[in-house]
């Protein structure tokens, strides 16, 4: 994954940025699967051999400067650490990574807790779609997230569940989507 610093782009630029990135790297024979726009980053999902990463970064410089790269691998993780990392990624608008790491916590949860964690994962997944300018999909997933969160309330690993529910409910009602922290 390649994170460029976001100088000025918004989610409605995501499709054009994806096409541009694919165009300027077309001769490299790499795969740019997807991209998302947050207020902080332009996040590109790429498949690139390690030895060609620097070349890819150079090619993407006209879009924006590099912030960081991350090799994404599935790693076993303790539930508490997964939730902590998930909160960190969520609060830094890295919703795809939040979704992925929180799945590790979900797999180790049971009952109502499992439903709640799945609801939080769905909120992150919805915001991934917002970053791709897919607002209708985002709102649809928010509805599913609320069903999973259900009647859970209080604080869960420093996440205010009631506040989370209220923010998501408000965005569904108004249709105005925005990122927030948990």
N, C-alpha and C. Protein backbone atom coordinates (compact mmCIF):
# COMPACT_ATOMS: atom_id res chain seq x y z
N UNK A 1 0.85 -1.15 0.00
CA UNK A 1 0.00 0.00 0.00
C UNK A 1 0.91 1.23 0.00
N UNK A 2 0.52 2.21 -0.80
CA UNK A 2 1.28 3.45 -0.89
C UNK A 2 0.38 4.59 -0.45
N UNK A 3 0.86 5.35 0.55
CA UNK A 3 0.14 6.53 1.01
C UNK A 3 0.91 7.78 0.57
N UNK A 4 0.28 8.57 -0.27
CA UNK A 4 0.84 9.86 -0.65
C UNK A 4 0.20 10.92 0.23
N UNK A 5 0.91 12.03 0.46
CA UNK A 5 0.33 13.15 1.21
C UNK A 5 -0.75 13.80 0.35
N UNK A 6 -1.87 14.09 0.96
CA UNK A 6 -2.97 14.69 0.20
C UNK A 6 -2.84 16.21 0.23
N UNK A 7 -2.47 16.81 -0.90
CA UNK A 7 -2.31 18.26 -0.93
C UNK A 7 -3.63 19.03 -1.06
N UNK A 8 -4.65 18.39 -1.72
CA UNK A 8 -5.86 19.17 -1.99
C UNK A 8 -7.04 18.34 -2.51
N UNK A 9 -6.88 17.05 -2.62
CA UNK A 9 -7.91 16.24 -3.25
C UNK A 9 -9.03 15.88 -2.28
N UNK A 10 -10.19 15.57 -2.86
CA UNK A 10 -11.37 15.14 -2.10
C UNK A 10 -11.85 13.82 -2.70
N UNK A 11 -12.73 13.10 -1.99
CA UNK A 11 -13.17 11.80 -2.50
C UNK A 11 -13.72 11.82 -3.93
N UNK A 12 -14.31 12.92 -4.36
CA UNK A 12 -14.84 12.97 -5.73
C UNK A 12 -13.72 12.93 -6.78
N UNK A 13 -12.46 13.10 -6.37
CA UNK A 13 -11.32 13.00 -7.27
C UNK A 13 -10.78 11.57 -7.38
N UNK A 14 -11.32 10.64 -6.61
CA UNK A 14 -10.72 9.31 -6.50
C UNK A 14 -10.64 8.57 -7.85
N UNK A 15 -11.70 8.60 -8.62
CA UNK A 15 -11.69 7.86 -9.89
C UNK A 15 -10.65 8.45 -10.85
N UNK A 16 -10.64 9.77 -10.94
CA UNK A 16 -9.67 10.42 -11.84
C UNK A 16 -8.24 10.15 -11.38
N UNK A 17 -7.98 10.14 -10.07
CA UNK A 17 -6.64 9.85 -9.56
C UNK A 17 -6.24 8.40 -9.82
N UNK A 18 -7.18 7.49 -9.69
CA UNK A 18 -6.89 6.09 -9.98
C UNK A 18 -6.50 5.92 -11.45
N UNK A 19 -7.27 6.52 -12.33
CA UNK A 19 -6.96 6.43 -13.76
C UNK A 19 -5.61 7.06 -14.08
N UNK A 20 -5.34 8.21 -13.47
CA UNK A 20 -4.07 8.90 -13.71
C UNK A 20 -2.89 8.05 -13.23
N UNK A 21 -3.03 7.47 -12.04
CA UNK A 21 -1.95 6.64 -11.50
C UNK A 21 -1.71 5.43 -12.39
N UNK A 22 -2.78 4.81 -12.85
CA UNK A 22 -2.63 3.66 -13.74
C UNK A 22 -1.97 4.06 -15.05
N UNK A 23 -2.33 5.23 -15.55
CA UNK A 23 -1.76 5.71 -16.82
C UNK A 23 -0.26 5.97 -16.70
N UNK A 24 0.15 6.68 -15.65
CA UNK A 24 1.57 7.04 -15.54
C UNK A 24 2.45 5.87 -15.12
N UNK A 25 1.85 4.78 -14.67
CA UNK A 25 2.63 3.60 -14.31
C UNK A 25 2.41 2.44 -15.28
N UNK A 26 1.70 2.68 -16.36
CA UNK A 26 1.31 1.59 -17.27
C UNK A 26 2.50 0.83 -17.84
N UNK A 27 3.60 1.49 -18.10
CA UNK A 27 4.75 0.79 -18.68
C UNK A 27 5.48 -0.08 -17.65
N UNK A 28 5.14 0.08 -16.37
CA UNK A 28 5.82 -0.68 -15.32
C UNK A 28 5.27 -2.10 -15.16
N UNK A 29 4.13 -2.37 -15.73
CA UNK A 29 3.50 -3.68 -15.58
C UNK A 29 3.29 -4.05 -14.11
N UNK A 30 2.72 -3.10 -13.37
CA UNK A 30 2.33 -3.34 -11.99
C UNK A 30 0.81 -3.24 -11.93
N UNK A 31 0.24 -3.57 -10.81
CA UNK A 31 -1.21 -3.48 -10.65
C UNK A 31 -1.54 -2.44 -9.59
N UNK A 32 -2.34 -1.46 -9.97
CA UNK A 32 -2.93 -0.53 -9.00
C UNK A 32 -4.40 -0.91 -8.95
N UNK A 33 -4.77 -1.63 -7.89
CA UNK A 33 -6.12 -2.18 -7.78
C UNK A 33 -7.16 -1.13 -7.45
N UNK A 34 -6.83 -0.24 -6.56
CA UNK A 34 -7.83 0.69 -6.07
C UNK A 34 -7.14 1.88 -5.42
N UNK A 35 -7.92 2.91 -5.12
CA UNK A 35 -7.39 4.06 -4.38
C UNK A 35 -8.50 4.74 -3.63
N UNK A 36 -8.12 5.41 -2.57
CA UNK A 36 -9.07 6.13 -1.72
C UNK A 36 -8.47 7.49 -1.36
N UNK A 37 -9.34 8.47 -1.13
CA UNK A 37 -8.90 9.82 -0.78
C UNK A 37 -9.39 10.15 0.63
N UNK A 38 -8.46 10.39 1.53
CA UNK A 38 -8.80 10.92 2.86
C UNK A 38 -8.29 12.35 2.92
N UNK A 39 -8.58 13.04 4.00
CA UNK A 39 -8.08 14.40 4.11
C UNK A 39 -6.56 14.42 4.27
N UNK A 40 -5.99 13.31 4.74
CA UNK A 40 -4.55 13.22 4.99
C UNK A 40 -3.78 12.54 3.85
N UNK A 41 -4.39 11.50 3.26
CA UNK A 41 -3.66 10.62 2.35
C UNK A 41 -4.40 10.38 1.04
N UNK A 42 -3.60 10.01 0.04
CA UNK A 42 -4.09 9.36 -1.16
C UNK A 42 -3.57 7.93 -1.01
N UNK A 43 -4.48 7.00 -0.86
CA UNK A 43 -4.13 5.63 -0.49
C UNK A 43 -4.30 4.72 -1.71
N UNK A 44 -3.20 4.14 -2.17
CA UNK A 44 -3.22 3.28 -3.35
C UNK A 44 -2.94 1.84 -2.94
N UNK A 45 -3.79 0.93 -3.40
CA UNK A 45 -3.55 -0.51 -3.23
C UNK A 45 -2.79 -0.98 -4.45
N UNK A 46 -1.56 -1.39 -4.25
CA UNK A 46 -0.71 -1.77 -5.38
C UNK A 46 -0.09 -3.15 -5.18
N UNK A 47 0.17 -3.80 -6.28
CA UNK A 47 0.99 -5.01 -6.29
C UNK A 47 2.23 -4.66 -7.08
N UNK A 48 3.34 -4.61 -6.38
CA UNK A 48 4.59 -4.21 -7.01
C UNK A 48 5.73 -5.00 -6.37
N UNK A 49 6.63 -5.55 -7.18
CA UNK A 49 7.80 -6.21 -6.60
C UNK A 49 8.61 -5.20 -5.77
N UNK A 50 9.15 -5.66 -4.68
CA UNK A 50 9.89 -4.79 -3.76
C UNK A 50 10.95 -3.95 -4.48
N UNK A 51 11.65 -4.58 -5.43
CA UNK A 51 12.73 -3.89 -6.12
C UNK A 51 12.23 -2.79 -7.05
N UNK A 52 10.91 -2.70 -7.30
CA UNK A 52 10.37 -1.66 -8.18
C UNK A 52 9.57 -0.61 -7.41
N UNK A 53 9.54 -0.73 -6.09
CA UNK A 53 8.77 0.20 -5.28
C UNK A 53 9.27 1.64 -5.44
N UNK A 54 10.57 1.84 -5.39
CA UNK A 54 11.12 3.20 -5.54
C UNK A 54 10.74 3.80 -6.89
N UNK A 55 10.78 3.00 -7.93
CA UNK A 55 10.40 3.47 -9.26
C UNK A 55 8.91 3.87 -9.27
N UNK A 56 8.08 3.08 -8.64
CA UNK A 56 6.66 3.40 -8.55
C UNK A 56 6.44 4.73 -7.83
N UNK A 57 7.11 4.91 -6.72
CA UNK A 57 6.98 6.15 -5.95
C UNK A 57 7.40 7.36 -6.79
N UNK A 58 8.50 7.22 -7.51
CA UNK A 58 8.95 8.30 -8.41
C UNK A 58 7.89 8.63 -9.45
N UNK A 59 7.27 7.59 -10.01
CA UNK A 59 6.24 7.80 -11.04
C UNK A 59 5.02 8.52 -10.46
N UNK A 60 4.71 8.26 -9.20
CA UNK A 60 3.53 8.86 -8.58
C UNK A 60 3.78 10.26 -8.03
N UNK A 61 5.05 10.70 -7.99
CA UNK A 61 5.38 12.03 -7.45
C UNK A 61 4.60 13.19 -8.07
N UNK A 62 4.31 13.17 -9.40
CA UNK A 62 3.53 14.28 -9.95
C UNK A 62 2.12 14.41 -9.34
N UNK A 63 1.62 13.32 -8.79
CA UNK A 63 0.30 13.37 -8.14
C UNK A 63 0.44 13.99 -6.75
N UNK A 64 1.39 13.47 -5.97
CA UNK A 64 1.63 13.99 -4.61
C UNK A 64 2.88 13.32 -4.05
N UNK A 65 3.50 13.95 -3.05
CA UNK A 65 4.69 13.35 -2.44
C UNK A 65 4.33 12.16 -1.54
N UNK A 66 5.29 11.28 -1.38
CA UNK A 66 5.11 10.09 -0.55
C UNK A 66 4.97 10.46 0.92
N UNK A 67 4.05 9.81 1.61
CA UNK A 67 3.98 9.88 3.06
C UNK A 67 4.62 8.61 3.62
N UNK A 68 4.11 7.44 3.22
CA UNK A 68 4.70 6.18 3.64
C UNK A 68 4.16 5.03 2.79
N UNK A 69 4.83 3.89 2.90
CA UNK A 69 4.36 2.67 2.26
C UNK A 69 4.18 1.62 3.35
N UNK A 70 3.38 0.63 3.03
CA UNK A 70 3.16 -0.45 3.99
C UNK A 70 2.93 -1.75 3.23
N UNK A 71 3.69 -2.75 3.59
CA UNK A 71 3.49 -4.08 3.03
C UNK A 71 2.36 -4.72 3.83
N UNK A 72 1.27 -5.04 3.17
CA UNK A 72 0.09 -5.57 3.85
C UNK A 72 0.13 -7.09 3.82
N UNK A 73 0.18 -7.67 5.02
CA UNK A 73 0.15 -9.13 5.16
C UNK A 73 -0.80 -9.47 6.30
N UNK A 74 -1.40 -10.62 6.21
CA UNK A 74 -2.28 -11.10 7.27
C UNK A 74 -1.43 -11.68 8.38
N UNK A 75 -1.52 -11.07 9.56
CA UNK A 75 -0.73 -11.52 10.69
C UNK A 75 -1.64 -11.87 11.85
N UNK A 76 -1.30 -12.92 12.62
CA UNK A 76 -2.07 -13.19 13.83
C UNK A 76 -1.87 -12.04 14.82
N UNK A 77 -2.96 -11.68 15.50
CA UNK A 77 -2.89 -10.53 16.40
C UNK A 77 -3.85 -10.76 17.56
N UNK A 78 -3.44 -10.36 18.74
CA UNK A 78 -4.32 -10.47 19.91
C UNK A 78 -5.49 -9.51 19.77
N UNK A 79 -6.62 -9.86 20.36
CA UNK A 79 -7.84 -9.06 20.21
C UNK A 79 -7.64 -7.61 20.67
N UNK A 80 -7.06 -7.41 21.83
CA UNK A 80 -6.89 -6.06 22.36
C UNK A 80 -5.99 -5.22 21.46
N UNK A 81 -4.92 -5.83 20.96
CA UNK A 81 -4.01 -5.12 20.07
C UNK A 81 -4.72 -4.78 18.75
N UNK A 82 -5.54 -5.71 18.26
CA UNK A 82 -6.29 -5.46 17.02
C UNK A 82 -7.24 -4.28 17.18
N UNK A 83 -7.91 -4.22 18.31
CA UNK A 83 -8.84 -3.12 18.55
C UNK A 83 -8.08 -1.80 18.67
N UNK A 84 -6.95 -1.82 19.38
CA UNK A 84 -6.13 -0.61 19.52
C UNK A 84 -5.63 -0.13 18.16
N UNK A 85 -5.09 -1.05 17.36
CA UNK A 85 -4.62 -0.67 16.02
C UNK A 85 -5.78 -0.22 15.14
N UNK A 86 -6.90 -0.90 15.26
CA UNK A 86 -8.08 -0.53 14.49
C UNK A 86 -8.52 0.89 14.79
N UNK A 87 -8.53 1.26 16.07
CA UNK A 87 -8.87 2.64 16.46
C UNK A 87 -7.86 3.62 15.88
N UNK A 88 -6.57 3.28 15.95
CA UNK A 88 -5.53 4.15 15.42
C UNK A 88 -5.76 4.39 13.92
N UNK A 89 -5.95 3.31 13.17
CA UNK A 89 -6.16 3.45 11.73
C UNK A 89 -7.45 4.23 11.45
N UNK A 90 -8.51 3.91 12.15
CA UNK A 90 -9.78 4.61 11.96
C UNK A 90 -9.60 6.11 12.21
N UNK A 91 -8.96 6.45 13.30
CA UNK A 91 -8.80 7.86 13.68
C UNK A 91 -7.83 8.61 12.77
N UNK A 92 -7.08 7.87 11.97
CA UNK A 92 -6.18 8.49 10.98
C UNK A 92 -6.71 8.33 9.57
N UNK A 93 -8.01 8.06 9.46
CA UNK A 93 -8.71 7.94 8.18
C UNK A 93 -8.13 6.85 7.29
N UNK A 94 -7.58 5.84 7.89
CA UNK A 94 -7.07 4.68 7.17
C UNK A 94 -8.09 3.56 7.38
N UNK A 95 -9.27 3.77 6.82
CA UNK A 95 -10.43 2.93 7.11
C UNK A 95 -10.28 1.51 6.57
N UNK A 96 -9.62 1.35 5.43
CA UNK A 96 -9.42 0.01 4.90
C UNK A 96 -8.57 -0.80 5.87
N UNK A 97 -7.50 -0.21 6.38
CA UNK A 97 -6.64 -0.90 7.33
C UNK A 97 -7.36 -1.16 8.64
N UNK A 98 -8.19 -0.21 9.08
CA UNK A 98 -9.00 -0.40 10.29
C UNK A 98 -9.90 -1.62 10.13
N UNK A 99 -10.58 -1.67 8.99
CA UNK A 99 -11.47 -2.79 8.69
C UNK A 99 -10.71 -4.11 8.75
N UNK A 100 -9.55 -4.17 8.11
CA UNK A 100 -8.77 -5.40 8.05
C UNK A 100 -8.29 -5.85 9.43
N UNK A 101 -7.72 -4.94 10.20
CA UNK A 101 -7.16 -5.34 11.50
C UNK A 101 -8.28 -5.67 12.50
N UNK A 102 -9.41 -4.98 12.43
CA UNK A 102 -10.52 -5.27 13.34
C UNK A 102 -11.13 -6.65 13.08
N UNK A 103 -10.95 -7.17 11.88
CA UNK A 103 -11.44 -8.53 11.61
C UNK A 103 -10.74 -9.55 12.52
N UNK A 104 -9.49 -9.26 12.88
CA UNK A 104 -8.78 -10.14 13.82
C UNK A 104 -9.45 -10.16 15.17
N UNK A 105 -9.96 -9.01 15.63
CA UNK A 105 -10.68 -8.94 16.90
C UNK A 105 -12.04 -9.61 16.78
N UNK A 106 -12.70 -9.41 15.65
CA UNK A 106 -14.02 -10.00 15.42
C UNK A 106 -13.95 -11.52 15.48
N UNK A 107 -12.92 -12.09 14.88
CA UNK A 107 -12.77 -13.55 14.86
C UNK A 107 -12.59 -14.12 16.26
N UNK A 108 -12.11 -13.31 17.19
CA UNK A 108 -11.85 -13.78 18.55
C UNK A 108 -12.95 -13.36 19.53
N UNK A 109 -14.02 -12.78 19.02
CA UNK A 109 -15.12 -12.32 19.87
C UNK A 109 -16.29 -13.29 19.78
N UNK A 110 -17.20 -13.16 20.76
CA UNK A 110 -18.40 -14.02 20.79
C UNK A 110 -19.62 -13.18 21.15
N UNK A 111 -20.79 -13.67 20.77
CA UNK A 111 -22.06 -13.09 21.19
C UNK A 111 -22.22 -11.63 20.80
N UNK A 112 -22.71 -10.83 21.77
CA UNK A 112 -22.98 -9.40 21.54
C UNK A 112 -21.71 -8.64 21.17
N UNK A 113 -20.59 -9.04 21.79
CA UNK A 113 -19.33 -8.37 21.46
C UNK A 113 -18.99 -8.57 19.98
N UNK A 114 -19.20 -9.77 19.47
CA UNK A 114 -18.90 -10.08 18.07
C UNK A 114 -19.75 -9.20 17.16
N UNK A 115 -21.04 -9.05 17.52
CA UNK A 115 -21.94 -8.19 16.73
C UNK A 115 -21.46 -6.74 16.75
N UNK A 116 -21.07 -6.25 17.93
CA UNK A 116 -20.60 -4.87 18.06
C UNK A 116 -19.34 -4.65 17.22
N UNK A 117 -18.38 -5.55 17.33
CA UNK A 117 -17.15 -5.40 16.56
C UNK A 117 -17.47 -5.42 15.06
N UNK A 118 -18.38 -6.29 14.66
CA UNK A 118 -18.76 -6.33 13.24
C UNK A 118 -19.40 -5.00 12.82
N UNK A 119 -20.19 -4.40 13.72
CA UNK A 119 -20.77 -3.09 13.42
C UNK A 119 -19.70 -2.02 13.22
N UNK A 120 -18.68 -2.04 14.06
CA UNK A 120 -17.57 -1.08 13.93
C UNK A 120 -16.82 -1.32 12.61
N UNK A 121 -16.61 -2.59 12.29
CA UNK A 121 -15.96 -2.94 11.02
C UNK A 121 -16.77 -2.39 9.86
N UNK A 122 -18.09 -2.54 9.93
CA UNK A 122 -18.95 -2.05 8.84
C UNK A 122 -18.91 -0.53 8.73
N UNK A 123 -18.78 0.18 9.85
CA UNK A 123 -18.64 1.64 9.78
C UNK A 123 -17.36 1.99 9.03
N UNK A 124 -16.26 1.29 9.35
CA UNK A 124 -14.99 1.53 8.64
C UNK A 124 -15.16 1.19 7.16
N UNK A 125 -15.80 0.08 6.85
CA UNK A 125 -16.02 -0.32 5.46
C UNK A 125 -16.85 0.72 4.72
N UNK A 126 -17.87 1.26 5.38
CA UNK A 126 -18.70 2.30 4.76
C UNK A 126 -17.85 3.50 4.41
N UNK A 127 -16.96 3.89 5.32
CA UNK A 127 -16.13 5.07 5.08
C UNK A 127 -15.08 4.83 3.99
N UNK A 128 -14.70 3.57 3.77
CA UNK A 128 -13.85 3.24 2.62
C UNK A 128 -14.59 3.65 1.34
N UNK A 129 -15.88 3.32 1.28
CA UNK A 129 -16.66 3.67 0.09
C UNK A 129 -16.84 5.18 -0.03
N UNK A 130 -16.98 5.87 1.08
CA UNK A 130 -17.04 7.34 1.05
C UNK A 130 -15.76 7.90 0.43
N UNK A 131 -14.61 7.34 0.80
CA UNK A 131 -13.33 7.81 0.27
C UNK A 131 -13.18 7.53 -1.22
N UNK A 132 -14.02 6.65 -1.74
CA UNK A 132 -14.02 6.34 -3.18
C UNK A 132 -15.17 7.06 -3.88
N UNK A 133 -15.82 7.97 -3.18
CA UNK A 133 -16.95 8.74 -3.71
C UNK A 133 -18.14 7.85 -4.07
N UNK A 134 -18.34 6.82 -3.28
CA UNK A 134 -19.47 5.90 -3.44
C UNK A 134 -20.41 6.09 -2.26
N UNK A 135 -21.02 7.27 -2.22
CA UNK A 135 -21.81 7.66 -1.05
C UNK A 135 -23.05 6.82 -0.84
N UNK A 136 -23.72 6.40 -1.89
CA UNK A 136 -24.91 5.56 -1.73
C UNK A 136 -24.53 4.22 -1.09
N UNK A 137 -23.41 3.66 -1.51
CA UNK A 137 -22.95 2.40 -0.91
C UNK A 137 -22.58 2.64 0.55
N UNK A 138 -21.91 3.75 0.83
CA UNK A 138 -21.55 4.10 2.20
C UNK A 138 -22.78 4.13 3.10
N UNK A 139 -23.81 4.83 2.67
CA UNK A 139 -25.02 4.96 3.49
C UNK A 139 -25.71 3.61 3.68
N UNK A 140 -25.70 2.79 2.66
CA UNK A 140 -26.29 1.45 2.76
C UNK A 140 -25.55 0.61 3.81
N UNK A 141 -24.23 0.68 3.78
CA UNK A 141 -23.43 -0.08 4.75
C UNK A 141 -23.61 0.49 6.15
N UNK A 142 -23.77 1.81 6.27
CA UNK A 142 -24.06 2.39 7.59
C UNK A 142 -25.32 1.77 8.18
N UNK A 143 -26.34 1.56 7.38
CA UNK A 143 -27.57 0.92 7.87
C UNK A 143 -27.29 -0.47 8.42
N UNK A 144 -26.49 -1.24 7.70
CA UNK A 144 -26.13 -2.58 8.17
C UNK A 144 -25.32 -2.50 9.47
N UNK A 145 -24.45 -1.48 9.56
CA UNK A 145 -23.63 -1.30 10.76
C UNK A 145 -24.52 -1.05 11.98
N UNK A 146 -25.53 -0.21 11.80
CA UNK A 146 -26.43 0.09 12.93
C UNK A 146 -27.16 -1.16 13.40
N UNK A 147 -27.54 -2.02 12.46
CA UNK A 147 -28.20 -3.28 12.85
C UNK A 147 -27.27 -4.12 13.71
N UNK A 148 -26.00 -4.17 13.37
CA UNK A 148 -25.04 -4.98 14.12
C UNK A 148 -24.73 -4.36 15.48
N UNK A 149 -24.61 -3.04 15.51
CA UNK A 149 -24.34 -2.36 16.78
C UNK A 149 -25.52 -2.57 17.73
N UNK A 150 -26.72 -2.59 17.16
CA UNK A 150 -27.92 -2.92 17.93
C UNK A 150 -28.09 -2.07 19.17
N UNK A 151 -28.34 -2.73 20.27
CA UNK A 151 -28.60 -2.01 21.52
C UNK A 151 -27.34 -1.86 22.38
N UNK A 152 -26.19 -2.20 21.84
CA UNK A 152 -24.94 -2.03 22.60
C UNK A 152 -24.79 -0.56 22.98
N UNK A 153 -24.22 -0.32 24.14
CA UNK A 153 -24.00 1.07 24.56
C UNK A 153 -22.80 1.13 25.49
N UNK A 154 -22.46 2.35 25.87
CA UNK A 154 -21.35 2.55 26.77
C UNK A 154 -20.03 2.66 26.05
N UNK A 155 -18.97 2.31 26.76
CA UNK A 155 -17.61 2.40 26.23
C UNK A 155 -17.09 1.00 25.97
N UNK A 156 -16.57 0.78 24.77
CA UNK A 156 -15.97 -0.50 24.41
C UNK A 156 -14.54 -0.19 23.95
N UNK A 157 -13.56 -0.59 24.76
CA UNK A 157 -12.14 -0.35 24.43
C UNK A 157 -11.91 1.10 24.00
N UNK A 158 -12.37 2.03 24.78
CA UNK A 158 -12.23 3.47 24.56
C UNK A 158 -13.06 3.99 23.39
N UNK A 159 -13.95 3.19 22.86
CA UNK A 159 -14.86 3.62 21.79
C UNK A 159 -16.21 3.90 22.42
N UNK A 160 -16.69 5.15 22.28
CA UNK A 160 -17.99 5.51 22.81
C UNK A 160 -19.04 5.01 21.81
N UNK A 161 -19.67 3.90 22.15
CA UNK A 161 -20.61 3.23 21.24
C UNK A 161 -21.83 4.10 20.97
N UNK A 162 -22.32 4.80 22.01
CA UNK A 162 -23.49 5.66 21.83
C UNK A 162 -23.18 6.81 20.87
N UNK A 163 -22.01 7.40 21.02
CA UNK A 163 -21.60 8.49 20.13
C UNK A 163 -21.43 7.97 18.69
N UNK A 164 -20.84 6.80 18.55
CA UNK A 164 -20.67 6.18 17.24
C UNK A 164 -22.04 5.99 16.57
N UNK A 165 -22.99 5.41 17.32
CA UNK A 165 -24.33 5.18 16.79
C UNK A 165 -24.97 6.50 16.38
N UNK A 166 -24.86 7.52 17.22
CA UNK A 166 -25.48 8.82 16.92
C UNK A 166 -24.89 9.46 15.66
N UNK A 167 -23.57 9.38 15.50
CA UNK A 167 -22.94 9.97 14.31
C UNK A 167 -23.40 9.25 13.04
N UNK A 168 -23.41 7.93 13.09
CA UNK A 168 -23.82 7.16 11.92
C UNK A 168 -25.30 7.41 11.62
N UNK A 169 -26.13 7.41 12.65
CA UNK A 169 -27.57 7.68 12.45
C UNK A 169 -27.80 9.05 11.83
N UNK A 170 -27.07 10.03 12.31
CA UNK A 170 -27.21 11.39 11.79
C UNK A 170 -26.83 11.46 10.31
N UNK A 171 -25.75 10.77 9.94
CA UNK A 171 -25.32 10.79 8.54
C UNK A 171 -26.34 10.08 7.65
N UNK A 172 -26.94 9.03 8.16
CA UNK A 172 -27.98 8.33 7.39
C UNK A 172 -29.17 9.27 7.17
N UNK A 173 -29.58 9.96 8.23
CA UNK A 173 -30.75 10.85 8.14
C UNK A 173 -30.51 12.02 7.20
N UNK A 174 -29.32 12.64 7.30
CA UNK A 174 -29.05 13.85 6.51
C UNK A 174 -28.45 13.55 5.14
N UNK A 175 -27.86 12.37 5.00
CA UNK A 175 -27.16 12.05 3.74
C UNK A 175 -25.82 12.75 3.63
N UNK A 176 -25.43 13.50 4.67
CA UNK A 176 -24.16 14.22 4.68
C UNK A 176 -23.12 13.37 5.41
N UNK A 177 -22.17 12.86 4.66
CA UNK A 177 -21.17 11.95 5.20
C UNK A 177 -19.91 12.73 5.53
N UNK A 178 -19.32 12.42 6.68
CA UNK A 178 -18.05 13.01 7.06
C UNK A 178 -17.29 12.02 7.92
N UNK A 179 -15.99 12.16 7.94
CA UNK A 179 -15.18 11.27 8.77
C UNK A 179 -15.20 11.80 10.20
N UNK A 180 -14.88 10.91 11.12
CA UNK A 180 -14.87 11.24 12.54
C UNK A 180 -13.94 10.29 13.24
N UNK A 181 -13.68 10.53 14.50
CA UNK A 181 -12.80 9.65 15.27
C UNK A 181 -13.65 8.84 16.25
N UNK A 182 -13.07 7.73 16.68
CA UNK A 182 -13.74 6.88 17.68
C UNK A 182 -12.85 6.71 18.89
